[in-house]
Amino acid sequence: MNNWRRRARRVGTDLQLKKLVTLLLSAGCLVTGTAAWGETADLNAAETPAASASADTLSGAQQSNTPPLISDIGAYFTAPLHWDGHDWAWFGGAVLAVGLAHRYDTQVRSHFFGPGLVTNVNAEDTKDAIPTVAVLGGTWAFAILANDKDGYQEGWAMLEATGLSGVTAYALKFAAGRETPDQTTNPNEWEKSGNSFPSFHSTAAFAVGTVLAESGNDEYRWLRRLLGYGLGVATSYERLKHNAHWLSDTVAGAALGMSSAHFVMNRRYGTNEESHFALVPVQGGAMLTYRVTLQ
């Protein structure tokens, strides 16, 4: 009887893991995923299929006088239709990362709160959002005070990345229905009345932080990346510490926020005819470049 119960629990866990993977794969129809990283190419080099698709979308939008935001929204939610093998490989890596984090959901929760159910702890939602709001507000304040064009562009990129990733995050929350760790000690409570997966705070923090980290010039790149990615990591840590989310919720939020930020930066900075940033694929990774067209 004990062997049968252990076997039943193991089968149940396997089914929950399969459900998680299925949910993440279906999210490819909503999430831009890591297609953003493979979407931009050097304008002097041959374009990749994903970059060509993006350029065609931009050209069509310009000819029809479609507002850039509307064009970006359409391209964002249809991006998976244009993914190539490289893009799907990045997406598969994100799925594996979330699946690996799911394996340690219980251990991470127990590290902070022990094995028992702890309720009425998740009361820090506003506090955990303050750093992200401060970075976003600070970017806009600087742009307004200095009347800086690049600052305005960076602020708009932060807003757009947060908006696009936020809509996707809440759609996934509704589809997953996962209960939060202050509702259950079982990380496999899916399709309930919960809204745990993914973490919106982590999504927004990494969306804003990635734009901060990867935009601007290279003079203070190390500082920008420290502050930008540090914002995402610190926010995710606070969500775990406050018993608001499972580890895999924050990892999924990080992937969603970062990919959305790269998508927006590729769209916005790539359309600047005089100067633009670009992520150029190189052996073993990618290189951020900045191009200026002299009159």
C-alpha atoms as a PDB file:
ATOM      1  CA  MET A   1       0.000   0.000   0.000  1.00  0.00           C
ATOM      2  CA  ASN A   2       2.800   2.432   0.852  1.00  0.00           C
ATOM      3  CA  ASN A   3       4.567   1.619  -2.413  1.00  0.00           C
ATOM      4  CA  TRP A   4       1.331   2.271  -4.290  1.00  0.00           C
ATOM      5  CA  ARG A   5       0.908   5.647  -2.585  1.00  0.00           C
ATOM      6  CA  ARG A   6       4.480   6.680  -3.344  1.00  0.00           C
ATOM      7  CA  ARG A   7       3.989   5.658  -6.963  1.00  0.00           C
ATOM      8  CA  ALA A   8       0.734   7.642  -7.166  1.00  0.00           C
ATOM      9  CA  ARG A   9       2.400  10.728  -5.736  1.00  0.00           C
ATOM     10  CA  ARG A  10       5.278  10.394  -8.217  1.00  0.00           C
ATOM     11  CA  VAL A  11       2.849  10.056 -11.146  1.00  0.00           C
ATOM     12  CA  GLY A  12       0.942  13.074  -9.878  1.00  0.00           C
ATOM     13  CA  THR A  13       4.114  15.137  -9.723  1.00  0.00           C
ATOM     14  CA  ASP A  14       5.080  14.096 -13.252  1.00  0.00           C
ATOM     15  CA  LEU A  15       1.655  15.146 -14.494  1.00  0.00           C
ATOM     16  CA  GLN A  16       2.018  18.546 -12.823  1.00  0.00           C
ATOM     17  CA  LEU A  17       5.413  19.057 -14.439  1.00  0.00           C
ATOM     18  CA  LYS A  18       3.968  18.143 -17.822  1.00  0.00           C
ATOM     19  CA  LYS A  19       1.149  20.617 -17.193  1.00  0.00           C
ATOM     20  CA  LEU A  20       3.709  23.337 -16.442  1.00  0.00           C
ATOM     21  CA  VAL A  21       5.666  22.607 -19.617  1.00  0.00           C
ATOM     22  CA  THR A  22       2.449  22.568 -21.672  1.00  0.00           C
ATOM     23  CA  LEU A  23       1.448  25.926 -20.215  1.00  0.00           C
ATOM     24  CA  LEU A  24       4.853  27.417 -21.001  1.00  0.00           C
ATOM     25  CA  LEU A  25       4.775  26.107 -24.558  1.00  0.00           C
ATOM     26  CA  SER A  26       1.282  27.491 -25.105  1.00  0.00           C
ATOM     27  CA  ALA A  27       2.557  30.809 -23.797  1.00  0.00           C
ATOM     28  CA  GLY A  28       4.648  30.983 -26.959  1.00  0.00           C
ATOM     29  CA  CYS A  29       1.469  32.055 -28.738  1.00  0.00           C
ATOM     30  CA  LEU A  30       1.263  35.107 -26.444  1.00  0.00           C
ATOM     31  CA  VAL A  31       4.819  35.908 -25.426  1.00  0.00           C
ATOM     32  CA  THR A  32       7.433  37.379 -27.734  1.00  0.00           C
ATOM     33  CA  GLY A  33       9.895  35.186 -25.880  1.00  0.00           C
ATOM     34  CA  THR A  34      13.493  35.353 -26.901  1.00  0.00           C
ATOM     35  CA  ALA A  35      12.660  36.139 -30.506  1.00  0.00           C
ATOM     36  CA  ALA A  36      13.556  39.660 -29.520  1.00  0.00           C
ATOM     37  CA  TRP A  37      17.211  38.688 -29.136  1.00  0.00           C
ATOM     38  CA  GLY A  38      17.356  37.294 -32.661  1.00  0.00           C
ATOM     39  CA  GLU A  39      15.224  39.959 -34.299  1.00  0.00           C
ATOM     40  CA  THR A  40      17.787  42.754 -34.842  1.00  0.00           C
ATOM     41  CA  ALA A  41      20.723  42.501 -37.224  1.00  0.00           C
ATOM     42  CA  ASP A  42      23.355  44.940 -38.403  1.00  0.00           C
ATOM     43  CA  LEU A  43      21.894  47.034 -41.208  1.00  0.00           C
ATOM     44  CA  ASN A  44      25.076  46.515 -43.226  1.00  0.00           C
ATOM     45  CA  ALA A  45      24.810  42.731 -42.940  1.00  0.00           C
ATOM     46  CA  ALA A  46      22.380  40.255 -44.422  1.00  0.00           C
ATOM     47  CA  GLU A  47      19.116  40.237 -42.510  1.00  0.00           C
ATOM     48  CA  THR A  48      17.904  37.175 -40.650  1.00  0.00           C
ATOM     49  CA  PRO A  49      14.337  35.912 -41.347  1.00  0.00           C
ATOM     50  CA  ALA A  50      13.147  37.334 -38.026  1.00  0.00           C
ATOM     51  CA  ALA A  51      14.737  40.704 -38.746  1.00  0.00           C
ATOM     52  CA  SER A  52      13.250  40.744 -42.251  1.00  0.00           C
ATOM     53  CA  ALA A  53       9.817  40.056 -40.800  1.00  0.00           C
ATOM     54  CA  SER A  54      10.264  42.900 -38.350  1.00  0.00           C
ATOM     55  CA  ALA A  55      11.424  45.247 -41.128  1.00  0.00           C
ATOM     56  CA  ASP A  56       8.442  44.267 -43.285  1.00  0.00           C
ATOM     57  CA  THR A  57       6.115  44.994 -40.389  1.00  0.00           C
ATOM     58  CA  LEU A  58       7.720  48.388 -39.829  1.00  0.00           C
ATOM     59  CA  SER A  59       7.582  49.252 -43.526  1.00  0.00           C
ATOM     60  CA  GLY A  60       3.928  48.303 -43.717  1.00  0.00           C
ATOM     61  CA  ALA A  61       3.149  50.308 -40.616  1.00  0.00           C
ATOM     62  CA  GLN A  62       4.910  53.392 -42.020  1.00  0.00           C
ATOM     63  CA  GLN A  63       3.085  53.150 -45.336  1.00  0.00           C
ATOM     64  CA  SER A  64      -0.308  52.876 -43.633  1.00  0.00           C
ATOM     65  CA  ASN A  65       0.506  55.610 -41.103  1.00  0.00           C
ATOM     66  CA  THR A  66      -0.088  53.167 -38.263  1.00  0.00           C
ATOM     67  CA  PRO A  67       0.954  54.652 -34.887  1.00  0.00           C
ATOM     68  CA  PRO A  68       4.194  53.024 -33.667  1.00  0.00           C
ATOM     69  CA  LEU A  69       2.562  51.723 -30.486  1.00  0.00           C
ATOM     70  CA  ILE A  70      -0.230  49.973 -32.409  1.00  0.00           C
ATOM     71  CA  SER A  71       2.319  48.512 -34.795  1.00  0.00           C
ATOM     72  CA  ASP A  72       4.430  47.276 -31.885  1.00  0.00           C
ATOM     73  CA  ILE A  73       1.432  45.628 -30.210  1.00  0.00           C
ATOM     74  CA  GLY A  74       0.559  43.745 -33.381  1.00  0.00           C
ATOM     75  CA  ALA A  75       4.150  42.656 -33.937  1.00  0.00           C
ATOM     76  CA  TYR A  76       4.561  41.646 -30.281  1.00  0.00           C
ATOM     77  CA  PHE A  77       1.651  39.231 -30.137  1.00  0.00           C
ATOM     78  CA  THR A  78       2.338  37.732 -33.562  1.00  0.00           C
ATOM     79  CA  ALA A  79       6.112  37.423 -33.149  1.00  0.00           C
ATOM     80  CA  PRO A  80       6.062  33.634 -32.521  1.00  0.00           C
ATOM     81  CA  LEU A  81       4.593  33.159 -36.004  1.00  0.00           C
ATOM     82  CA  HIS A  82       7.900  34.430 -37.413  1.00  0.00           C
ATOM     83  CA  TRP A  83      10.305  32.607 -35.105  1.00  0.00           C
ATOM     84  CA  ASP A  84      13.153  30.638 -36.627  1.00  0.00           C
ATOM     85  CA  GLY A  85      15.153  27.782 -35.122  1.00  0.00           C
ATOM     86  CA  HIS A  86      17.397  30.139 -33.169  1.00  0.00           C
ATOM     87  CA  ASP A  87      14.393  31.862 -31.594  1.00  0.00           C
ATOM     88  CA  TRP A  88      12.754  28.572 -30.609  1.00  0.00           C
ATOM     89  CA  ALA A  89      16.035  27.426 -29.099  1.00  0.00           C
ATOM     90  CA  TRP A  90      16.084  30.516 -26.859  1.00  0.00           C
ATOM     91  CA  PHE A  91      12.460  29.941 -25.934  1.00  0.00           C
ATOM     92  CA  GLY A  92      13.204  26.311 -25.122  1.00  0.00           C
ATOM     93  CA  GLY A  93      16.018  27.464 -22.850  1.00  0.00           C
ATOM     94  CA  ALA A  94      13.595  29.735 -21.010  1.00  0.00           C
ATOM     95  CA  VAL A  95      11.151  26.845 -20.575  1.00  0.00           C
ATOM     96  CA  LEU A  96      13.928  24.641 -19.194  1.00  0.00           C
ATOM     97  CA  ALA A  97      15.003  27.378 -16.768  1.00  0.00           C
ATOM     98  CA  VAL A  98      11.471  27.726 -15.414  1.00  0.00           C
ATOM     99  CA  GLY A  99      11.107  23.950 -15.198  1.00  0.00           C
ATOM    100  CA  LEU A 100      14.368  23.676 -13.261  1.00  0.00           C
ATOM    101  CA  ALA A 101      13.280  26.440 -10.897  1.00  0.00           C
ATOM    102  CA  HIS A 102      10.000  24.579 -10.360  1.00  0.00           C
ATOM    103  CA  ARG A 103      11.975  21.641  -9.010  1.00  0.00           C
ATOM    104  CA  TYR A 104      13.206  23.856  -6.164  1.00  0.00           C
ATOM    105  CA  ASP A 105       9.983  25.735  -5.423  1.00  0.00           C
ATOM    106  CA  THR A 106       9.328  23.860  -2.193  1.00  0.00           C
ATOM    107  CA  GLN A 107      12.925  24.058  -0.954  1.00  0.00           C
ATOM    108  CA  VAL A 108      13.122  27.821  -1.505  1.00  0.00           C
ATOM    109  CA  ARG A 109       9.833  28.413   0.251  1.00  0.00           C
ATOM    110  CA  SER A 110      10.885  26.226   3.168  1.00  0.00           C
ATOM    111  CA  HIS A 111      14.137  28.197   3.439  1.00  0.00           C
ATOM    112  CA  PHE A 112      12.154  31.348   4.228  1.00  0.00           C
ATOM    113  CA  PHE A 113       9.126  29.959   6.095  1.00  0.00           C
ATOM    114  CA  GLY A 114       9.624  26.320   7.006  1.00  0.00           C
ATOM    115  CA  PRO A 115       7.479  23.406   5.867  1.00  0.00           C
ATOM    116  CA  GLY A 116       4.138  24.568   7.327  1.00  0.00           C
ATOM    117  CA  LEU A 117       1.505  26.846   5.816  1.00  0.00           C
ATOM    118  CA  VAL A 118       2.099  30.510   6.672  1.00  0.00           C
ATOM    119  CA  THR A 119      -0.768  32.877   5.884  1.00  0.00           C
ATOM    120  CA  ASN A 120      -1.252  36.639   6.041  1.00  0.00           C
ATOM    121  CA  VAL A 121       2.361  37.307   5.080  1.00  0.00           C
ATOM    122  CA  ASN A 122       1.850  38.644   1.554  1.00  0.00           C
ATOM    123  CA  ALA A 123       1.178  42.272   2.440  1.00  0.00           C
ATOM    124  CA  GLU A 124       4.129  43.959   0.728  1.00  0.00           C
ATOM    125  CA  ASP A 125       2.841  44.319  -2.841  1.00  0.00           C
ATOM    126  CA  THR A 126       3.089  48.113  -2.870  1.00  0.00           C
ATOM    127  CA  LYS A 127       6.453  48.169  -1.112  1.00  0.00           C
ATOM    128  CA  ASP A 128       7.945  45.675  -3.567  1.00  0.00           C
ATOM    129  CA  ALA A 129       6.785  47.792  -6.521  1.00  0.00           C
ATOM    130  CA  ILE A 130       8.381  51.034  -5.272  1.00  0.00           C
ATOM    131  CA  PRO A 131      11.919  50.435  -6.692  1.00  0.00           C
ATOM    132  CA  THR A 132      10.560  49.734 -10.181  1.00  0.00           C
ATOM    133  CA  VAL A 133       8.276  52.763 -10.072  1.00  0.00           C
ATOM    134  CA  ALA A 134      11.179  54.890  -8.786  1.00  0.00           C
ATOM    135  CA  VAL A 135      13.453  53.891 -11.691  1.00  0.00           C
ATOM    136  CA  LEU A 136      10.703  54.495 -14.227  1.00  0.00           C
ATOM    137  CA  GLY A 137       9.751  57.817 -12.655  1.00  0.00           C
ATOM    138  CA  GLY A 138      13.382  58.867 -12.309  1.00  0.00           C
ATOM    139  CA  THR A 139      14.022  58.208 -15.993  1.00  0.00           C
ATOM    140  CA  TRP A 140      11.085  60.396 -16.978  1.00  0.00           C
ATOM    141  CA  ALA A 141      12.019  63.111 -14.475  1.00  0.00           C
ATOM    142  CA  PHE A 142      15.545  63.316 -15.881  1.00  0.00           C
ATOM    143  CA  ALA A 143      14.251  63.425 -19.462  1.00  0.00           C
ATOM    144  CA  ILE A 144      11.824  66.244 -18.640  1.00  0.00           C
ATOM    145  CA  LEU A 145      14.279  68.322 -16.617  1.00  0.00           C
ATOM    146  CA  ALA A 146      17.086  67.938 -19.152  1.00  0.00           C
ATOM    147  CA  ASN A 147      14.768  67.963 -22.165  1.00  0.00           C
ATOM    148  CA  ASP A 148      16.746  64.940 -23.317  1.00  0.00           C
ATOM    149  CA  LYS A 149      15.460  63.159 -26.434  1.00  0.00           C
ATOM    150  CA  ASP A 150      17.235  59.911 -25.577  1.00  0.00           C
ATOM    151  CA  GLY A 151      15.756  60.045 -22.071  1.00  0.00           C
ATOM    152  CA  TYR A 152      12.240  60.349 -23.499  1.00  0.00           C
ATOM    153  CA  GLN A 153      12.875  57.407 -25.805  1.00  0.00           C
ATOM    154  CA  GLU A 154      14.211  55.317 -22.953  1.00  0.00           C
ATOM    155  CA  GLY A 155      11.229  56.216 -20.766  1.00  0.00           C
ATOM    156  CA  TRP A 156       8.768  55.283 -23.503  1.00  0.00           C
ATOM    157  CA  ALA A 157      10.598  51.992 -24.043  1.00  0.00           C
ATOM    158  CA  MET A 158      10.274  51.225 -20.320  1.00  0.00           C
ATOM    159  CA  LEU A 159       6.546  52.018 -20.368  1.00  0.00           C
ATOM    160  CA  GLU A 160       5.884  49.982 -23.487  1.00  0.00           C
ATOM    161  CA  ALA A 161       7.903  46.971 -22.306  1.00  0.00           C
ATOM    162  CA  THR A 162       6.099  47.026 -18.961  1.00  0.00           C
ATOM    163  CA  GLY A 163       2.700  47.338 -20.606  1.00  0.00           C
ATOM    164  CA  LEU A 164       3.205  44.557 -23.145  1.00  0.00           C
ATOM    165  CA  SER A 165       4.769  42.141 -20.662  1.00  0.00           C
ATOM    166  CA  GLY A 166       2.181  43.054 -18.009  1.00  0.00           C
ATOM    167  CA  VAL A 167      -0.752  42.200 -20.272  1.00  0.00           C
ATOM    168  CA  THR A 168       0.880  38.881 -21.113  1.00  0.00           C
ATOM    169  CA  ALA A 169       1.632  38.182 -17.437  1.00  0.00           C
ATOM    170  CA  TYR A 170      -1.984  38.663 -16.417  1.00  0.00           C
ATOM    171  CA  ALA A 171      -3.193  36.517 -19.312  1.00  0.00           C
ATOM    172  CA  LEU A 172      -0.888  33.741 -18.097  1.00  0.00           C
ATOM    173  CA  LYS A 173      -2.055  34.241 -14.519  1.00  0.00           C
ATOM    174  CA  PHE A 174      -5.643  33.682 -15.634  1.00  0.00           C
ATOM    175  CA  ALA A 175      -4.699  30.619 -17.692  1.00  0.00           C
ATOM    176  CA  ALA A 176      -2.503  29.048 -14.991  1.00  0.00           C
ATOM    177  CA  GLY A 177      -4.657  29.724 -11.913  1.00  0.00           C
ATOM    178  CA  ARG A 178      -1.739  28.748  -9.697  1.00  0.00           C
ATOM    179  CA  GLU A 179      -2.120  29.255  -5.969  1.00  0.00           C
ATOM    180  CA  THR A 180       0.444  31.400  -4.155  1.00  0.00           C
ATOM    181  CA  PRO A 181       2.683  30.000  -1.392  1.00  0.00           C
ATOM    182  CA  ASP A 182       0.611  31.786   1.240  1.00  0.00           C
ATOM    183  CA  GLN A 183      -2.405  29.781   0.025  1.00  0.00           C
ATOM    184  CA  THR A 184      -0.823  26.325  -0.127  1.00  0.00           C
ATOM    185  CA  THR A 185       2.408  24.473   0.569  1.00  0.00           C
ATOM    186  CA  ASN A 186       2.028  22.499  -2.663  1.00  0.00           C
ATOM    187  CA  PRO A 187       3.661  24.238  -5.666  1.00  0.00           C
ATOM    188  CA  ASN A 188       1.569  22.134  -8.061  1.00  0.00           C
ATOM    189  CA  GLU A 189      -1.812  23.669  -7.308  1.00  0.00           C
ATOM    190  CA  TRP A 190      -2.655  24.788 -10.843  1.00  0.00           C
ATOM    191  CA  GLU A 191      -6.018  25.676 -12.394  1.00  0.00           C
ATOM    192  CA  LYS A 192      -7.346  26.912  -9.061  1.00  0.00           C
ATOM    193  CA  SER A 193      -8.326  30.441  -8.109  1.00  0.00           C
ATOM    194  CA  GLY A 194      -4.755  31.666  -7.609  1.00  0.00           C
ATOM    195  CA  ASN A 195      -2.786  34.271  -9.542  1.00  0.00           C
ATOM    196  CA  SER A 196       0.763  33.273  -8.698  1.00  0.00           C
ATOM    197  CA  PHE A 197       2.260  32.413 -12.109  1.00  0.00           C
ATOM    198  CA  PRO A 198       4.098  34.424 -13.311  1.00  0.00           C
ATOM    199  CA  SER A 199       5.145  37.189 -10.910  1.00  0.00           C
ATOM    200  CA  PHE A 200       3.988  40.558 -12.237  1.00  0.00           C
ATOM    201  CA  HIS A 201       6.430  42.404  -9.955  1.00  0.00           C
ATOM    202  CA  SER A 202       9.363  40.418 -11.391  1.00  0.00           C
ATOM    203  CA  THR A 203       8.066  40.892 -14.929  1.00  0.00           C
ATOM    204  CA  ALA A 204       7.815  44.671 -14.570  1.00  0.00           C
ATOM    205  CA  ALA A 205      11.141  44.980 -12.726  1.00  0.00           C
ATOM    206  CA  PHE A 206      13.041  43.071 -15.407  1.00  0.00           C
ATOM    207  CA  ALA A 207      11.231  44.936 -18.204  1.00  0.00           C
ATOM    208  CA  VAL A 208      12.242  48.319 -16.769  1.00  0.00           C
ATOM    209  CA  GLY A 209      15.654  47.097 -15.606  1.00  0.00           C
ATOM    210  CA  THR A 210      16.609  45.575 -18.946  1.00  0.00           C
ATOM    211  CA  VAL A 211      15.850  48.800 -20.795  1.00  0.00           C
ATOM    212  CA  LEU A 212      17.969  50.664 -18.235  1.00  0.00           C
ATOM    213  CA  ALA A 213      20.765  48.105 -18.582  1.00  0.00           C
ATOM    214  CA  GLU A 214      20.956  47.882 -22.363  1.00  0.00           C
ATOM    215  CA  SER A 215      20.020  51.367 -23.609  1.00  0.00           C
ATOM    216  CA  GLY A 216      22.098  54.540 -23.540  1.00  0.00           C
ATOM    217  CA  ASN A 217      25.778  54.736 -24.486  1.00  0.00           C
ATOM    218  CA  ASP A 218      28.512  52.375 -23.368  1.00  0.00           C
ATOM    219  CA  GLU A 219      30.329  54.815 -21.108  1.00  0.00           C
ATOM    220  CA  TYR A 220      28.525  53.601 -17.986  1.00  0.00           C
ATOM    221  CA  ARG A 221      27.354  50.237 -19.293  1.00  0.00           C
ATOM    222  CA  TRP A 222      28.633  48.285 -16.294  1.00  0.00           C
ATOM    223  CA  LEU A 223      26.784  50.606 -13.909  1.00  0.00           C
ATOM    224  CA  ARG A 224      23.597  50.502 -15.954  1.00  0.00           C
ATOM    225  CA  ARG A 225      23.623  46.711 -15.991  1.00  0.00           C
ATOM    226  CA  LEU A 226      24.364  46.515 -12.297  1.00  0.00           C
ATOM    227  CA  LEU A 227      21.424  48.790 -11.484  1.00  0.00           C
ATOM    228  CA  GLY A 228      19.086  47.403 -14.145  1.00  0.00           C
ATOM    229  CA  TYR A 229      19.475  43.686 -13.578  1.00  0.00           C
ATOM    230  CA  GLY A 230      19.985  44.292  -9.873  1.00  0.00           C
ATOM    231  CA  LEU A 231      16.510  45.838  -9.794  1.00  0.00           C
ATOM    232  CA  GLY A 232      15.012  42.660 -11.241  1.00  0.00           C
ATOM    233  CA  VAL A 233      16.936  40.290  -8.970  1.00  0.00           C
ATOM    234  CA  ALA A 234      16.233  42.318  -5.820  1.00  0.00           C
ATOM    235  CA  THR A 235      12.520  42.578  -6.603  1.00  0.00           C
ATOM    236  CA  SER A 236      12.275  38.838  -7.242  1.00  0.00           C
ATOM    237  CA  TYR A 237      14.079  38.124  -3.973  1.00  0.00           C
ATOM    238  CA  GLU A 238      11.625  40.322  -2.080  1.00  0.00           C
ATOM    239  CA  ARG A 239       8.664  38.472  -3.615  1.00  0.00           C
ATOM    240  CA  LEU A 240      10.101  35.186  -2.362  1.00  0.00           C
ATOM    241  CA  LYS A 241      10.939  36.671   1.018  1.00  0.00           C
ATOM    242  CA  HIS A 242       7.381  37.985   1.434  1.00  0.00           C
ATOM    243  CA  ASN A 243       5.848  34.608   0.540  1.00  0.00           C
ATOM    244  CA  ALA A 244       4.117  36.139  -2.467  1.00  0.00           C
ATOM    245  CA  HIS A 245       5.485  33.824  -5.164  1.00  0.00           C
ATOM    246  CA  TRP A 246       7.226  30.562  -5.923  1.00  0.00           C
ATOM    247  CA  LEU A 247      10.734  30.584  -7.363  1.00  0.00           C
ATOM    248  CA  SER A 248       9.497  29.493 -10.788  1.00  0.00           C
ATOM    249  CA  ASP A 249       7.027  32.413 -10.817  1.00  0.00           C
ATOM    250  CA  THR A 250       9.882  34.890 -10.561  1.00  0.00           C
ATOM    251  CA  VAL A 251      12.029  33.089 -13.150  1.00  0.00           C
ATOM    252  CA  ALA A 252       9.126  33.117 -15.614  1.00  0.00           C
ATOM    253  CA  GLY A 253       8.555  36.800 -14.865  1.00  0.00           C
ATOM    254  CA  ALA A 254      12.232  37.540 -15.492  1.00  0.00           C
ATOM    255  CA  ALA A 255      12.174  35.790 -18.878  1.00  0.00           C
ATOM    256  CA  LEU A 256       8.983  37.580 -19.883  1.00  0.00           C
ATOM    257  CA  GLY A 257      10.174  41.016 -18.776  1.00  0.00           C
ATOM    258  CA  MET A 258      13.632  40.739 -20.354  1.00  0.00           C
ATOM    259  CA  SER A 259      12.368  39.410 -23.683  1.00  0.00           C
ATOM    260  CA  SER A 260       9.687  42.104 -23.893  1.00  0.00           C
ATOM    261  CA  ALA A 261      12.253  44.818 -23.165  1.00  0.00           C
ATOM    262  CA  HIS A 262      14.573  43.546 -25.900  1.00  0.00           C
ATOM    263  CA  PHE A 263      11.659  43.402 -28.320  1.00  0.00           C
ATOM    264  CA  VAL A 264      10.715  47.031 -27.647  1.00  0.00           C
ATOM    265  CA  MET A 265      14.319  48.252 -27.837  1.00  0.00           C
ATOM    266  CA  ASN A 266      14.825  46.483 -31.150  1.00  0.00           C
ATOM    267  CA  ARG A 267      11.672  48.104 -32.526  1.00  0.00           C
ATOM    268  CA  ARG A 268      12.323  51.612 -31.222  1.00  0.00           C
ATOM    269  CA  TYR A 269      16.073  51.981 -31.542  1.00  0.00           C
ATOM    270  CA  GLY A 270      16.175  50.034 -34.779  1.00  0.00           C
ATOM    271  CA  THR A 271      13.848  52.502 -36.521  1.00  0.00           C
ATOM    272  CA  ASN A 272      16.029  55.554 -35.861  1.00  0.00           C
ATOM    273  CA  GLU A 273      17.475  56.548 -39.236  1.00  0.00           C
ATOM    274  CA  GLU A 274      20.183  58.803 -37.797  1.00  0.00           C
ATOM    275  CA  SER A 275      21.382  56.622 -34.945  1.00  0.00           C
ATOM    276  CA  HIS A 276      20.323  53.369 -33.384  1.00  0.00           C
ATOM    277  CA  PHE A 277      21.317  50.525 -31.123  1.00  0.00           C
ATOM    278  CA  ALA A 278      21.416  46.970 -32.385  1.00  0.00           C
ATOM    279  CA  LEU A 279      22.066  43.521 -30.976  1.00  0.00           C
ATOM    280  CA  VAL A 280      24.360  41.825 -33.475  1.00  0.00           C
ATOM    281  CA  PRO A 281      24.767  38.038 -33.276  1.00  0.00           C
ATOM    282  CA  VAL A 282      28.387  36.973 -32.785  1.00  0.00           C
ATOM    283  CA  GLN A 283      29.995  33.636 -32.092  1.00  0.00           C
ATOM    284  CA  GLY A 284      28.997  32.538 -28.606  1.00  0.00           C
ATOM    285  CA  GLY A 285      26.445  35.285 -27.965  1.00  0.00           C
ATOM    286  CA  ALA A 286      25.481  38.786 -29.074  1.00  0.00           C
ATOM    287  CA  MET A 287      27.087  42.221 -29.183  1.00  0.00           C
ATOM    288  CA  LEU A 288      25.342  45.539 -28.541  1.00  0.00           C
ATOM    289  CA  THR A 289      26.335  48.087 -31.199  1.00  0.00           C
ATOM    290  CA  TYR A 290      25.600  51.767 -31.731  1.00  0.00           C
ATOM    291  CA  ARG A 291      25.484  53.311 -35.184  1.00  0.00           C
ATOM    292  CA  VAL A 292      25.466  57.011 -36.109  1.00  0.00           C
ATOM    293  CA  THR A 293      24.732  58.229 -39.605  1.00  0.00           C
ATOM    294  CA  LEU A 294      26.673  61.427 -40.328  1.00  0.00           C
ATOM    295  CA  GLN A 295      25.095  63.976 -42.629  1.00  0.00           C
END
